[in-house]
């Protein structure tokens, strides 16, 4: 294994832990939503690193699906917080 990829993976996992802390202890809903977005980006990064390390290309598909769902969730919460209906 490449030592740099392992180090990047551990950093990504540590940063994901910090994001989880902010999601749980966030002072407000928008702060928590930003932490959820950043967590989604970190998950995609972890998927990319694991794909490079193992060579299994289906793992990146999991990351792509995760980021699409995260984007939809962000749009939904933004519309809810602005007081608009979802079909507007």
PDB file of N, CA and C in Angstrom:
ATOM      1  N   UNK A   1       0.832  -1.197   0.000  1.00  0.00           N
ATOM      2  CA  UNK A   1       0.000   0.000   0.000  1.00  0.00           C
ATOM      3  C   UNK A   1       0.869   1.250   0.000  1.00  0.00           C
ATOM      4  N   UNK A   2       0.314   2.277  -0.529  1.00  0.00           N
ATOM      5  CA  UNK A   2       1.015   3.545  -0.580  1.00  0.00           C
ATOM      6  C   UNK A   2       0.809   4.285   0.735  1.00  0.00           C
ATOM      7  N   UNK A   3       1.892   4.719   1.347  1.00  0.00           N
ATOM      8  CA  UNK A   3       1.816   5.388   2.647  1.00  0.00           C
ATOM      9  C   UNK A   3       1.056   6.706   2.556  1.00  0.00           C
ATOM     10  N   UNK A   4       1.130   7.397   1.417  1.00  0.00           N
ATOM     11  CA  UNK A   4       0.433   8.676   1.265  1.00  0.00           C
ATOM     12  C   UNK A   4      -1.082   8.473   1.204  1.00  0.00           C
ATOM     13  N   UNK A   5      -1.497   7.432   0.496  1.00  0.00           N
ATOM     14  CA  UNK A   5      -2.939   7.166   0.428  1.00  0.00           C
ATOM     15  C   UNK A   5      -3.489   6.737   1.776  1.00  0.00           C
ATOM     16  N   UNK A   6      -2.716   5.963   2.510  1.00  0.00           N
ATOM     17  CA  UNK A   6      -3.151   5.573   3.853  1.00  0.00           C
ATOM     18  C   UNK A   6      -3.278   6.788   4.765  1.00  0.00           C
ATOM     19  N   UNK A   7      -2.300   7.684   4.674  1.00  0.00           N
ATOM     20  CA  UNK A   7      -2.346   8.899   5.490  1.00  0.00           C
ATOM     21  C   UNK A   7      -3.551   9.755   5.119  1.00  0.00           C
ATOM     22  N   UNK A   8      -3.791   9.911   3.821  1.00  0.00           N
ATOM     23  CA  UNK A   8      -4.967  10.683   3.385  1.00  0.00           C
ATOM     24  C   UNK A   8      -6.265  10.046   3.877  1.00  0.00           C
ATOM     25  N   UNK A   9      -6.326   8.731   3.848  1.00  0.00           N
ATOM     26  CA  UNK A   9      -7.523   8.035   4.316  1.00  0.00           C
ATOM     27  C   UNK A   9      -7.757   8.293   5.800  1.00  0.00           C
ATOM     28  N   UNK A  10      -6.691   8.224   6.604  1.00  0.00           N
ATOM     29  CA  UNK A  10      -6.838   8.481   8.036  1.00  0.00           C
ATOM     30  C   UNK A  10      -7.234   9.928   8.319  1.00  0.00           C
ATOM     31  N   UNK A  11      -6.709  10.859   7.540  1.00  0.00           N
ATOM     32  CA  UNK A  11      -7.074  12.271   7.710  1.00  0.00           C
ATOM     33  C   UNK A  11      -8.550  12.470   7.364  1.00  0.00           C
ATOM     34  N   UNK A  12      -8.990  11.854   6.274  1.00  0.00           N
ATOM     35  CA  UNK A  12     -10.403  11.958   5.874  1.00  0.00           C
ATOM     36  C   UNK A  12     -11.309  11.398   6.965  1.00  0.00           C
ATOM     37  N   UNK A  13     -10.932  10.273   7.531  1.00  0.00           N
ATOM     38  CA  UNK A  13     -11.754   9.661   8.580  1.00  0.00           C
ATOM     39  C   UNK A  13     -11.776  10.544   9.830  1.00  0.00           C
ATOM     40  N   UNK A  14     -10.641  11.129  10.192  1.00  0.00           N
ATOM     41  CA  UNK A  14     -10.597  12.026  11.355  1.00  0.00           C
ATOM     42  C   UNK A  14     -11.466  13.258  11.123  1.00  0.00           C
ATOM     43  N   UNK A  15     -11.388  13.822   9.921  1.00  0.00           N
ATOM     44  CA  UNK A  15     -12.219  14.986   9.612  1.00  0.00           C
ATOM     45  C   UNK A  15     -13.703  14.621   9.588  1.00  0.00           C
ATOM     46  N   UNK A  16     -14.019  13.404   9.169  1.00  0.00           N
ATOM     47  CA  UNK A  16     -15.411  12.952   9.207  1.00  0.00           C
ATOM     48  C   UNK A  16     -15.915  12.881  10.644  1.00  0.00           C
ATOM     49  N   UNK A  17     -15.046  12.460  11.541  1.00  0.00           N
ATOM     50  CA  UNK A  17     -15.419  12.440  12.958  1.00  0.00           C
ATOM     51  C   UNK A  17     -15.715  13.835  13.490  1.00  0.00           C
ATOM     52  N   UNK A  18     -14.902  14.807  13.074  1.00  0.00           N
ATOM     53  CA  UNK A  18     -15.159  16.187  13.492  1.00  0.00           C
ATOM     54  C   UNK A  18     -16.482  16.703  12.926  1.00  0.00           C
ATOM     55  N   UNK A  19     -16.785  16.325  11.695  1.00  0.00           N
ATOM     56  CA  UNK A  19     -18.063  16.732  11.103  1.00  0.00           C
ATOM     57  C   UNK A  19     -19.234  16.092  11.844  1.00  0.00           C
ATOM     58  N   UNK A  20     -19.083  14.835  12.224  1.00  0.00           N
ATOM     59  CA  UNK A  20     -20.143  14.174  12.991  1.00  0.00           C
ATOM     60  C   UNK A  20     -20.364  14.881  14.325  1.00  0.00           C
ATOM     61  N   UNK A  21     -19.282  15.333  14.950  1.00  0.00           N
ATOM     62  CA  UNK A  21     -19.416  16.092  16.186  1.00  0.00           C
ATOM     63  C   UNK A  21     -20.216  17.376  15.945  1.00  0.00           C
ATOM     64  N   UNK A  22     -19.931  18.076  14.836  1.00  0.00           N
ATOM     65  CA  UNK A  22     -20.647  19.316  14.530  1.00  0.00           C
ATOM     66  C   UNK A  22     -22.103  19.040  14.178  1.00  0.00           C
ATOM     67  N   UNK A  23     -22.367  17.900  13.547  1.00  0.00           N
ATOM     68  CA  UNK A  23     -23.752  17.546  13.231  1.00  0.00           C
ATOM     69  C   UNK A  23     -24.543  17.317  14.514  1.00  0.00           C
ATOM     70  N   UNK A  24     -23.931  16.661  15.479  1.00  0.00           N
ATOM     71  CA  UNK A  24     -24.624  16.351  16.733  1.00  0.00           C
ATOM     72  C   UNK A  24     -24.737  17.585  17.626  1.00  0.00           C
ATOM     73  N   UNK A  25     -23.674  18.381  17.741  1.00  0.00           N
ATOM     74  CA  UNK A  25     -23.631  19.488  18.682  1.00  0.00           C
ATOM     75  C   UNK A  25     -23.786  20.862  18.034  1.00  0.00           C
ATOM     76  N   UNK A  26     -24.188  20.907  16.766  1.00  0.00           N
ATOM     77  CA  UNK A  26     -24.290  22.188  16.058  1.00  0.00           C
ATOM     78  C   UNK A  26     -25.219  23.156  16.754  1.00  0.00           C
ATOM     79  N   UNK A  27     -24.847  24.435  16.792  1.00  0.00           N
ATOM     80  CA  UNK A  27     -25.702  25.397  17.484  1.00  0.00           C
ATOM     81  C   UNK A  27     -27.012  25.692  16.750  1.00  0.00           C
ATOM     82  N   UNK A  28     -27.034  25.500  15.440  1.00  0.00           N
ATOM     83  CA  UNK A  28     -28.260  25.785  14.702  1.00  0.00           C
ATOM     84  C   UNK A  28     -28.412  24.792  13.552  1.00  0.00           C
ATOM     85  N   UNK A  29     -29.597  24.779  12.969  1.00  0.00           N
ATOM     86  CA  UNK A  29     -29.872  23.858  11.868  1.00  0.00           C
ATOM     87  C   UNK A  29     -29.005  24.164  10.638  1.00  0.00           C
ATOM     88  N   UNK A  30     -28.827  25.426  10.243  1.00  0.00           N
ATOM     89  CA  UNK A  30     -27.943  25.668   9.090  1.00  0.00           C
ATOM     90  C   UNK A  30     -26.496  25.208   9.327  1.00  0.00           C
ATOM     91  N   UNK A  31     -25.994  25.365  10.564  1.00  0.00           N
ATOM     92  CA  UNK A  31     -24.651  24.867  10.867  1.00  0.00           C
ATOM     93  C   UNK A  31     -24.583  23.354  10.715  1.00  0.00           C
ATOM     94  N   UNK A  32     -25.605  22.688  11.159  1.00  0.00           N
ATOM     95  CA  UNK A  32     -25.644  21.235  11.020  1.00  0.00           C
ATOM     96  C   UNK A  32     -25.729  20.819   9.563  1.00  0.00           C
ATOM     97  N   UNK A  33     -26.470  21.576   8.761  1.00  0.00           N
ATOM     98  CA  UNK A  33     -26.599  21.236   7.346  1.00  0.00           C
ATOM     99  C   UNK A  33     -25.272  21.419   6.613  1.00  0.00           C
ATOM    100  N   UNK A  34     -24.535  22.458   6.953  1.00  0.00           N
ATOM    101  CA  UNK A  34     -23.213  22.643   6.357  1.00  0.00           C
ATOM    102  C   UNK A  34     -22.303  21.478   6.736  1.00  0.00           C
ATOM    103  N   UNK A  35     -22.376  21.051   7.985  1.00  0.00           N
ATOM    104  CA  UNK A  35     -21.570  19.908   8.420  1.00  0.00           C
ATOM    105  C   UNK A  35     -21.969  18.635   7.679  1.00  0.00           C
ATOM    106  N   UNK A  36     -23.244  18.465   7.405  1.00  0.00           N
ATOM    107  CA  UNK A  36     -23.703  17.296   6.648  1.00  0.00           C
ATOM    108  C   UNK A  36     -23.164  17.355   5.219  1.00  0.00           C
ATOM    109  N   UNK A  37     -23.162  18.535   4.618  1.00  0.00           N
ATOM    110  CA  UNK A  37     -22.605  18.690   3.267  1.00  0.00           C
ATOM    111  C   UNK A  37     -21.115  18.354   3.247  1.00  0.00           C
ATOM    112  N   UNK A  38     -20.384  18.879   4.211  1.00  0.00           N
ATOM    113  CA  UNK A  38     -18.951  18.601   4.272  1.00  0.00           C
ATOM    114  C   UNK A  38     -18.712  17.119   4.523  1.00  0.00           C
ATOM    115  N   UNK A  39     -19.533  16.501   5.364  1.00  0.00           N
ATOM    116  CA  UNK A  39     -19.414  15.065   5.613  1.00  0.00           C
ATOM    117  C   UNK A  39     -19.622  14.275   4.329  1.00  0.00           C
ATOM    118  N   UNK A  40     -20.586  14.694   3.518  1.00  0.00           N
ATOM    119  CA  UNK A  40     -20.816  14.026   2.241  1.00  0.00           C
ATOM    120  C   UNK A  40     -19.618  14.126   1.316  1.00  0.00           C
ATOM    121  N   UNK A  41     -18.995  15.290   1.280  1.00  0.00           N
ATOM    122  CA  UNK A  41     -17.800  15.471   0.454  1.00  0.00           C
ATOM    123  C   UNK A  41     -16.666  14.588   0.960  1.00  0.00           C
ATOM    124  N   UNK A  42     -16.524  14.489   2.280  1.00  0.00           N
ATOM    125  CA  UNK A  42     -15.476  13.638   2.842  1.00  0.00           C
ATOM    126  C   UNK A  42     -15.734  12.164   2.550  1.00  0.00           C
ATOM    127  N   UNK A  43     -16.987  11.745   2.561  1.00  0.00           N
ATOM    128  CA  UNK A  43     -17.315  10.359   2.231  1.00  0.00           C
ATOM    129  C   UNK A  43     -16.943  10.045   0.790  1.00  0.00           C
ATOM    130  N   UNK A  44     -17.201  10.980  -0.108  1.00  0.00           N
ATOM    131  CA  UNK A  44     -16.816  10.781  -1.508  1.00  0.00           C
ATOM    132  C   UNK A  44     -15.288  10.702  -1.618  1.00  0.00           C
ATOM    133  N   UNK A  45     -14.584  11.505  -0.854  1.00  0.00           N
ATOM    134  CA  UNK A  45     -13.119  11.432  -0.838  1.00  0.00           C
ATOM    135  C   UNK A  45     -12.620  10.083  -0.344  1.00  0.00           C
ATOM    136  N   UNK A  46     -13.245   9.563   0.704  1.00  0.00           N
ATOM    137  CA  UNK A  46     -12.880   8.241   1.215  1.00  0.00           C
ATOM    138  C   UNK A  46     -13.159   7.175   0.160  1.00  0.00           C
ATOM    139  N   UNK A  47     -14.289   7.275  -0.508  1.00  0.00           N
ATOM    140  CA  UNK A  47     -14.608   6.320  -1.580  1.00  0.00           C
ATOM    141  C   UNK A  47     -13.580   6.385  -2.700  1.00  0.00           C
ATOM    142  N   UNK A  48     -13.145   7.594  -3.057  1.00  0.00           N
ATOM    143  CA  UNK A  48     -12.149   7.742  -4.115  1.00  0.00           C
ATOM    144  C   UNK A  48     -10.812   7.139  -3.699  1.00  0.00           C
ATOM    145  N   UNK A  49     -10.400   7.366  -2.468  1.00  0.00           N
ATOM    146  CA  UNK A  49      -9.133   6.810  -1.994  1.00  0.00           C
ATOM    147  C   UNK A  49      -9.194   5.284  -1.953  1.00  0.00           C
ATOM    148  N   UNK A  50     -10.295   4.746  -1.468  1.00  0.00           N
ATOM    149  CA  UNK A  50     -10.428   3.292  -1.418  1.00  0.00           C
ATOM    150  C   UNK A  50     -10.460   2.707  -2.829  1.00  0.00           C
ATOM    151  N   UNK A  51     -11.095   3.413  -3.772  1.00  0.00           N
ATOM    152  CA  UNK A  51     -11.111   2.947  -5.160  1.00  0.00           C
ATOM    153  C   UNK A  51      -9.699   2.885  -5.734  1.00  0.00           C
ATOM    154  N   UNK A  52      -8.893   3.907  -5.460  1.00  0.00           N
ATOM    155  CA  UNK A  52      -7.523   3.917  -5.961  1.00  0.00           C
ATOM    156  C   UNK A  52      -6.709   2.803  -5.306  1.00  0.00           C
ATOM    157  N   UNK A  53      -6.899   2.580  -4.002  1.00  0.00           N
ATOM    158  CA  UNK A  53      -6.126   1.564  -3.299  1.00  0.00           C
ATOM    159  C   UNK A  53      -6.490   0.152  -3.726  1.00  0.00           C
ATOM    160  N   UNK A  54      -7.773  -0.121  -3.887  1.00  0.00           N
ATOM    161  CA  UNK A  54      -8.207  -1.489  -4.159  1.00  0.00           C
ATOM    162  C   UNK A  54      -8.398  -1.781  -5.635  1.00  0.00           C
ATOM    163  N   UNK A  55      -8.670  -0.765  -6.427  1.00  0.00           N
ATOM    164  CA  UNK A  55      -8.924  -0.967  -7.846  1.00  0.00           C
ATOM    165  C   UNK A  55     -10.348  -1.402  -8.148  1.00  0.00           C
ATOM    166  N   UNK A  56     -11.212  -1.421  -7.155  1.00  0.00           N
ATOM    167  CA  UNK A  56     -12.617  -1.795  -7.350  1.00  0.00           C
ATOM    168  C   UNK A  56     -13.402  -0.542  -7.715  1.00  0.00           C
ATOM    169  N   UNK A  57     -13.807  -0.469  -8.959  1.00  0.00           N
ATOM    170  CA  UNK A  57     -14.409   0.757  -9.481  1.00  0.00           C
ATOM    171  C   UNK A  57     -15.838   0.988  -9.025  1.00  0.00           C
ATOM    172  N   UNK A  58     -16.512  -0.019  -8.503  1.00  0.00           N
ATOM    173  CA  UNK A  58     -17.895   0.173  -8.073  1.00  0.00           C
ATOM    174  C   UNK A  58     -17.987   1.019  -6.810  1.00  0.00           C
ATOM    175  N   UNK A  59     -16.905   1.163  -6.086  1.00  0.00           N
ATOM    176  CA  UNK A  59     -16.942   1.960  -4.854  1.00  0.00           C
ATOM    177  C   UNK A  59     -17.152   3.438  -5.182  1.00  0.00           C
ATOM    178  N   UNK A  60     -16.608   3.903  -6.292  1.00  0.00           N
ATOM    179  CA  UNK A  60     -16.807   5.308  -6.675  1.00  0.00           C
ATOM    180  C   UNK A  60     -18.275   5.557  -7.030  1.00  0.00           C
ATOM    181  N   UNK A  61     -18.976   4.522  -7.508  1.00  0.00           N
ATOM    182  CA  UNK A  61     -20.411   4.667  -7.764  1.00  0.00           C
ATOM    183  C   UNK A  61     -21.180   4.922  -6.473  1.00  0.00           C
ATOM    184  N   UNK A  62     -20.735   4.300  -5.393  1.00  0.00           N
ATOM    185  CA  UNK A  62     -21.354   4.549  -4.086  1.00  0.00           C
ATOM    186  C   UNK A  62     -21.155   6.012  -3.694  1.00  0.00           C
ATOM    187  N   UNK A  63     -19.958   6.547  -3.927  1.00  0.00           N
ATOM    188  CA  UNK A  63     -19.694   7.951  -3.623  1.00  0.00           C
ATOM    189  C   UNK A  63     -20.537   8.897  -4.460  1.00  0.00           C
ATOM    190  N   UNK A  64     -20.714   8.561  -5.738  1.00  0.00           N
ATOM    191  CA  UNK A  64     -21.537   9.406  -6.610  1.00  0.00           C
ATOM    192  C   UNK A  64     -22.994   9.400  -6.143  1.00  0.00           C
ATOM    193  N   UNK A  65     -23.502   8.228  -5.786  1.00  0.00           N
ATOM    194  CA  UNK A  65     -24.878   8.150  -5.282  1.00  0.00           C
ATOM    195  C   UNK A  65     -25.021   8.942  -3.982  1.00  0.00           C
ATOM    196  N   UNK A  66     -24.012   8.870  -3.121  1.00  0.00           N
ATOM    197  CA  UNK A  66     -24.042   9.592  -1.843  1.00  0.00           C
ATOM    198  C   UNK A  66     -24.116  11.096  -2.088  1.00  0.00           C
ATOM    199  N   UNK A  67     -23.316  11.611  -3.018  1.00  0.00           N
ATOM    200  CA  UNK A  67     -23.276  13.059  -3.235  1.00  0.00           C
ATOM    201  C   UNK A  67     -24.561  13.549  -3.897  1.00  0.00           C
ATOM    202  N   UNK A  68     -25.170  12.721  -4.745  1.00  0.00           N
ATOM    203  CA  UNK A  68     -26.452  13.107  -5.350  1.00  0.00           C
ATOM    204  C   UNK A  68     -27.530  13.206  -4.276  1.00  0.00           C
ATOM    205  N   UNK A  69     -27.585  12.224  -3.382  1.00  0.00           N
ATOM    206  CA  UNK A  69     -28.568  12.276  -2.298  1.00  0.00           C
ATOM    207  C   UNK A  69     -28.296  13.436  -1.350  1.00  0.00           C
ATOM    208  N   UNK A  70     -27.048  13.737  -1.114  1.00  0.00           N
ATOM    209  CA  UNK A  70     -26.699  14.869  -0.263  1.00  0.00           C
ATOM    210  C   UNK A  70     -27.147  16.184  -0.890  1.00  0.00           C
ATOM    211  N   UNK A  71     -26.974  16.314  -2.197  1.00  0.00           N
ATOM    212  CA  UNK A  71     -27.401  17.520  -2.896  1.00  0.00           C
ATOM    213  C   UNK A  71     -28.916  17.683  -2.817  1.00  0.00           C
ATOM    214  N   UNK A  72     -29.647  16.609  -3.031  1.00  0.00           N
ATOM    215  CA  UNK A  72     -31.109  16.671  -2.963  1.00  0.00           C
ATOM    216  C   UNK A  72     -31.555  17.045  -1.552  1.00  0.00           C
ATOM    217  N   UNK A  73     -30.908  16.490  -0.557  1.00  0.00           N
ATOM    218  CA  UNK A  73     -31.237  16.828   0.826  1.00  0.00           C
ATOM    219  C   UNK A  73     -30.957  18.285   1.151  1.00  0.00           C
ATOM    220  N   UNK A  74     -29.866  18.813   0.623  1.00  0.00           N
ATOM    221  CA  UNK A  74     -29.522  20.212   0.851  1.00  0.00           C
ATOM    222  C   UNK A  74     -30.553  21.140   0.229  1.00  0.00           C
ATOM    223  N   UNK A  75     -30.950  20.841  -0.989  1.00  0.00           N
ATOM    224  CA  UNK A  75     -31.971  21.661  -1.664  1.00  0.00           C
ATOM    225  C   UNK A  75     -33.293  21.592  -0.906  1.00  0.00           C
ATOM    226  N   UNK A  76     -33.656  20.413  -0.454  1.00  0.00           N
ATOM    227  CA  UNK A  76     -34.909  20.244   0.283  1.00  0.00           C
ATOM    228  C   UNK A  76     -34.895  21.037   1.585  1.00  0.00           C
ATOM    229  N   UNK A  77     -33.812  20.950   2.337  1.00  0.00           N
ATOM    230  CA  UNK A  77     -33.731  21.684   3.598  1.00  0.00           C
ATOM    231  C   UNK A  77     -33.699  23.189   3.360  1.00  0.00           C
ATOM    232  N   UNK A  78     -33.010  23.629   2.321  1.00  0.00           N
ATOM    233  CA  UNK A  78     -32.960  25.067   2.026  1.00  0.00           C
ATOM    234  C   UNK A  78     -34.351  25.606   1.690  1.00  0.00           C
ATOM    235  N   UNK A  79     -35.108  24.836   0.921  1.00  0.00           N
ATOM    236  CA  UNK A  79     -36.477  25.280   0.608  1.00  0.00           C
ATOM    237  C   UNK A  79     -37.342  25.286   1.867  1.00  0.00           C
ATOM    238  N   UNK A  80     -37.172  24.281   2.715  1.00  0.00           N
ATOM    239  CA  UNK A  80     -37.960  24.221   3.952  1.00  0.00           C
ATOM    240  C   UNK A  80     -37.627  25.394   4.867  1.00  0.00           C
ATOM    241  N   UNK A  81     -36.332  25.685   5.006  1.00  0.00           N
ATOM    242  CA  UNK A  81     -35.941  26.785   5.901  1.00  0.00           C
ATOM    243  C   UNK A  81     -36.346  28.143   5.365  1.00  0.00           C
ATOM    244  N   UNK A  82     -36.476  28.277   4.052  1.00  0.00           N
ATOM    245  CA  UNK A  82     -36.910  29.548   3.484  1.00  0.00           C
ATOM    246  C   UNK A  82     -38.429  29.705   3.510  1.00  0.00           C
ATOM    247  N   UNK A  83     -39.144  28.668   3.903  1.00  0.00           N
ATOM    248  CA  UNK A  83     -40.592  28.749   4.043  1.00  0.00           C
ATOM    249  C   UNK A  83     -41.341  28.449   2.770  1.00  0.00           C
ATOM    250  N   UNK A  84     -40.682  27.963   1.746  1.00  0.00           N
ATOM    251  CA  UNK A  84     -41.344  27.645   0.483  1.00  0.00           C
ATOM    252  C   UNK A  84     -41.727  26.177   0.437  1.00  0.00           C
ATOM    253  N   UNK A  85     -42.706  25.881  -0.388  1.00  0.00           N
ATOM    254  CA  UNK A  85     -43.078  24.486  -0.591  1.00  0.00           C
ATOM    255  C   UNK A  85     -42.096  23.828  -1.545  1.00  0.00           C
ATOM    256  N   UNK A  86     -42.064  22.514  -1.544  1.00  0.00           N
ATOM    257  CA  UNK A  86     -41.106  21.799  -2.367  1.00  0.00           C
ATOM    258  C   UNK A  86     -41.415  21.893  -3.861  1.00  0.00           C
ATOM    259  N   UNK A  87     -42.666  22.175  -4.229  1.00  0.00           N
ATOM    260  CA  UNK A  87     -43.006  22.241  -5.653  1.00  0.00           C
ATOM    261  C   UNK A  87     -42.928  23.664  -6.214  1.00  0.00           C
ATOM    262  N   UNK A  88     -42.413  24.606  -5.478  1.00  0.00           N
ATOM    263  CA  UNK A  88     -42.298  25.984  -5.951  1.00  0.00           C
ATOM    264  C   UNK A  88     -40.981  26.194  -6.668  1.00  0.00           C
TER     265      UNK A  88
END
